[in-house]
Amino acid sequence: MSEPVAHQPPGRARDGVARGIGIGLGLTIAAVVIGYSRGAAATLESRAGTLGIAALILGLWLAAGIGDVARRRFRSDAAIDGGNRVDPGVDVANAILRNTAEQVLLAGIAYTSLTLLSDHARVPVALFAACFSAGRLLFWTGYRDGAEARALGFALTFYPSVAALLMAAVALIV
């Protein structure tokens, strides 16, 4: 991983974060629209198959994060014993893992809710899982470069999960 970039003035960083969030939100809205327009009614069995693939994707990202922390600890004299000594690489990997675990939990709940409550969940869940993968890749590779560099990645994992929760709530009501 590269060294962190110098911090930007707060206003510029916020502008960059807002831009990443806006792009992520726009892509999420596109996924919802495409999901609804392409998503024909499907049986619970076929929706469950899609959910299984989405769960596999989430699990692989979580496993990658755990593996990265383990690899960095193994290579670090300061961190191999799990002691109190600081290793910046392990700290970054732990921060990425913590965020990934949070996102996996939210996405898993959201995708499951949508799958169980909506006959039209198959395409949206597939699109949201694709957004999750793209988002985790962008978040992970941009993490050391600051909030602006990881904002789109965060947005592509968070907003599709929120959209899935909202879609599940609507399916429950309608």
Protein backbone atom coordinates (compact mmCIF):
# COMPACT_ATOMS: atom_id res chain seq x y z
CA MET A 1 0.00 0.00 0.00
CA SER A 2 1.14 3.51 -0.65
CA GLU A 3 1.85 6.12 1.98
CA PRO A 4 -1.10 8.31 3.01
CA VAL A 5 -1.43 11.55 1.09
CA ALA A 6 -1.14 14.88 2.87
CA HIS A 7 -4.39 15.99 4.42
CA GLN A 8 -6.46 18.41 2.38
CA PRO A 9 -8.24 21.43 3.76
CA PRO A 10 -11.56 20.23 5.28
CA GLY A 11 -13.70 21.98 2.66
CA ARG A 12 -11.93 20.27 -0.24
CA ALA A 13 -12.08 16.88 1.46
CA ARG A 14 -15.79 17.34 2.16
CA ASP A 15 -16.39 18.27 -1.47
CA GLY A 16 -14.63 15.10 -2.60
CA VAL A 17 -16.54 12.97 -0.10
CA ALA A 18 -19.83 14.56 -1.20
CA ARG A 19 -18.94 13.83 -4.84
CA GLY A 20 -18.23 10.16 -4.03
CA ILE A 21 -21.42 9.87 -2.02
CA GLY A 22 -23.42 11.49 -4.82
CA ILE A 23 -22.03 9.10 -7.42
CA GLY A 24 -22.69 6.13 -5.13
CA LEU A 25 -26.22 7.31 -4.44
CA GLY A 26 -26.83 7.83 -8.16
CA LEU A 27 -25.59 4.32 -8.96
CA THR A 28 -27.78 2.92 -6.19
CA ILE A 29 -30.84 4.66 -7.61
CA ALA A 30 -29.95 3.28 -11.05
CA ALA A 31 -29.68 -0.23 -9.55
CA VAL A 32 -33.11 0.17 -7.93
CA VAL A 33 -34.69 1.39 -11.18
CA ILE A 34 -33.04 -1.34 -13.27
CA GLY A 35 -33.88 -3.93 -10.62
CA TYR A 36 -37.54 -3.00 -10.61
CA SER A 37 -37.81 -2.72 -14.38
CA ARG A 38 -35.97 -6.01 -15.09
CA GLY A 39 -37.05 -7.94 -12.03
CA ALA A 40 -39.93 -10.23 -12.91
CA ALA A 41 -41.69 -12.11 -10.14
CA ALA A 42 -39.62 -15.10 -9.07
CA THR A 43 -40.20 -18.05 -6.78
CA LEU A 44 -38.73 -18.03 -3.30
CA GLU A 45 -36.46 -20.86 -4.39
CA SER A 46 -34.88 -18.85 -7.22
CA ARG A 47 -34.65 -15.74 -5.02
CA ALA A 48 -32.93 -17.85 -2.35
CA GLY A 49 -30.39 -19.00 -4.94
CA THR A 50 -29.58 -15.38 -5.74
CA LEU A 51 -29.35 -14.63 -2.01
CA GLY A 52 -26.95 -17.55 -1.63
CA ILE A 53 -24.66 -16.08 -4.28
CA ALA A 54 -24.88 -12.64 -2.63
CA ALA A 55 -24.05 -14.20 0.77
CA LEU A 56 -21.05 -15.92 -0.81
CA ILE A 57 -19.83 -12.57 -2.16
CA LEU A 58 -20.24 -10.94 1.25
CA GLY A 59 -18.46 -13.84 2.94
CA LEU A 60 -15.54 -13.70 0.52
CA TRP A 61 -15.02 -9.99 1.23
CA LEU A 62 -15.12 -10.64 4.97
CA ALA A 63 -12.66 -13.53 4.59
CA ALA A 64 -10.35 -11.31 2.52
CA GLY A 65 -10.36 -8.68 5.27
CA ILE A 66 -9.65 -11.25 7.99
CA GLY A 67 -6.91 -12.78 5.88
CA ASP A 68 -5.32 -9.38 5.27
CA VAL A 69 -5.16 -8.64 9.00
CA ALA A 70 -3.71 -12.09 9.68
CA ARG A 71 -1.11 -11.67 6.93
CA ARG A 72 -0.07 -8.26 8.20
CA ARG A 73 0.15 -9.48 11.81
CA PHE A 74 2.27 -12.44 10.74
CA ARG A 75 4.72 -10.15 8.93
CA SER A 76 4.91 -7.57 11.73
CA ASP A 77 7.33 -8.00 14.60
CA ALA A 78 5.28 -5.48 16.58
CA ALA A 79 1.92 -7.17 16.00
CA ILE A 80 2.57 -10.90 15.63
CA ASP A 81 1.91 -11.62 19.31
CA GLY A 82 -1.14 -9.36 19.45
CA GLY A 83 0.57 -7.11 21.95
CA ASN A 84 0.02 -3.42 22.52
CA ARG A 85 2.74 -2.27 20.15
CA VAL A 86 1.45 -0.33 17.16
CA ASP A 87 1.88 -1.35 13.55
CA PRO A 88 0.34 1.13 11.09
CA GLY A 89 -0.25 -1.52 8.43
CA VAL A 90 -2.12 -3.74 10.87
CA ASP A 91 -4.09 -0.75 12.14
CA VAL A 92 -5.21 0.14 8.60
CA ALA A 93 -6.10 -3.48 7.86
CA ASN A 94 -8.12 -3.66 11.09
CA ALA A 95 -9.97 -0.45 10.20
CA ILE A 96 -10.82 -1.82 6.75
CA LEU A 97 -11.89 -5.15 8.29
CA ARG A 98 -14.07 -3.42 10.90
CA ASN A 99 -15.83 -1.38 8.22
CA THR A 100 -16.20 -4.42 5.98
CA ALA A 101 -17.71 -6.46 8.83
CA GLU A 102 -20.20 -3.66 9.53
CA GLN A 103 -21.13 -3.45 5.86
CA VAL A 104 -21.42 -7.25 5.51
CA LEU A 105 -23.77 -7.40 8.49
CA LEU A 106 -25.99 -4.62 7.16
CA ALA A 107 -26.00 -6.01 3.61
CA GLY A 108 -26.76 -9.53 4.81
CA ILE A 109 -29.77 -8.34 6.81
CA ALA A 110 -30.95 -6.09 3.98
CA TYR A 111 -30.58 -8.65 1.17
CA THR A 112 -32.24 -11.35 3.27
CA SER A 113 -35.16 -9.10 4.18
CA LEU A 114 -35.70 -8.07 0.58
CA THR A 115 -35.42 -11.66 -0.66
CA LEU A 116 -37.99 -12.94 1.83
CA LEU A 117 -40.45 -10.07 1.45
CA SER A 118 -40.46 -9.30 -2.27
CA ASP A 119 -41.20 -11.51 -5.25
CA HIS A 120 -39.14 -9.08 -7.32
CA ALA A 121 -35.93 -9.21 -5.28
CA ARG A 122 -33.76 -11.33 -7.54
CA VAL A 123 -32.35 -8.67 -9.88
CA PRO A 124 -32.01 -5.93 -7.23
CA VAL A 125 -30.13 -8.26 -4.86
CA ALA A 126 -27.79 -9.31 -7.68
CA LEU A 127 -27.14 -5.67 -8.59
CA PHE A 128 -26.65 -4.67 -4.95
CA ALA A 129 -24.14 -7.51 -4.46
CA ALA A 130 -22.25 -6.31 -7.54
CA CYS A 131 -22.24 -2.78 -6.11
CA PHE A 132 -20.95 -4.21 -2.83
CA SER A 133 -17.99 -5.85 -4.55
CA ALA A 134 -17.12 -2.75 -6.55
CA GLY A 135 -17.53 -0.64 -3.43
CA ARG A 136 -15.32 -2.81 -1.24
CA LEU A 137 -12.61 -2.83 -3.90
CA LEU A 138 -12.71 0.97 -4.16
CA PHE A 139 -12.85 1.43 -0.38
CA TRP A 140 -9.98 -0.96 0.23
CA THR A 141 -7.68 0.45 -2.45
CA GLY A 142 -8.49 4.07 -1.59
CA TYR A 143 -8.38 3.77 2.20
CA ARG A 144 -4.85 5.12 2.75
CA ASP A 145 -5.51 8.08 0.48
CA GLY A 146 -8.15 9.55 2.74
CA ALA A 147 -11.89 10.02 3.00
CA GLU A 148 -12.27 11.41 -0.51
CA ALA A 149 -10.60 8.36 -2.05
CA ARG A 150 -12.76 5.89 -0.15
CA ALA A 151 -16.11 7.76 -0.23
CA LEU A 152 -17.42 6.16 -3.43
CA GLY A 153 -16.47 2.73 -2.16
CA PHE A 154 -18.26 3.34 1.12
CA ALA A 155 -21.32 4.69 -0.69
CA LEU A 156 -21.49 1.68 -3.04
CA THR A 157 -21.62 -0.69 -0.08
CA PHE A 158 -23.85 1.36 2.22
CA TYR A 159 -26.54 2.90 0.02
CA PRO A 160 -27.55 -0.31 -1.80
CA SER A 161 -28.07 -1.93 1.61
CA VAL A 162 -30.23 0.97 2.73
CA ALA A 163 -32.13 0.75 -0.57
CA ALA A 164 -32.70 -2.98 -0.01
CA LEU A 165 -34.07 -2.26 3.47
CA LEU A 166 -36.39 0.42 2.10
CA MET A 167 -37.52 -1.87 -0.72
CA ALA A 168 -38.22 -4.64 1.81
CA ALA A 169 -40.24 -2.21 3.96
CA VAL A 170 -42.27 -1.14 0.93
CA ALA A 171 -42.86 -4.79 -0.03
CA LEU A 172 -44.09 -5.47 3.49
CA ILE A 173 -46.53 -2.56 3.38
CA VAL A 174 -47.81 -3.05 -0.18
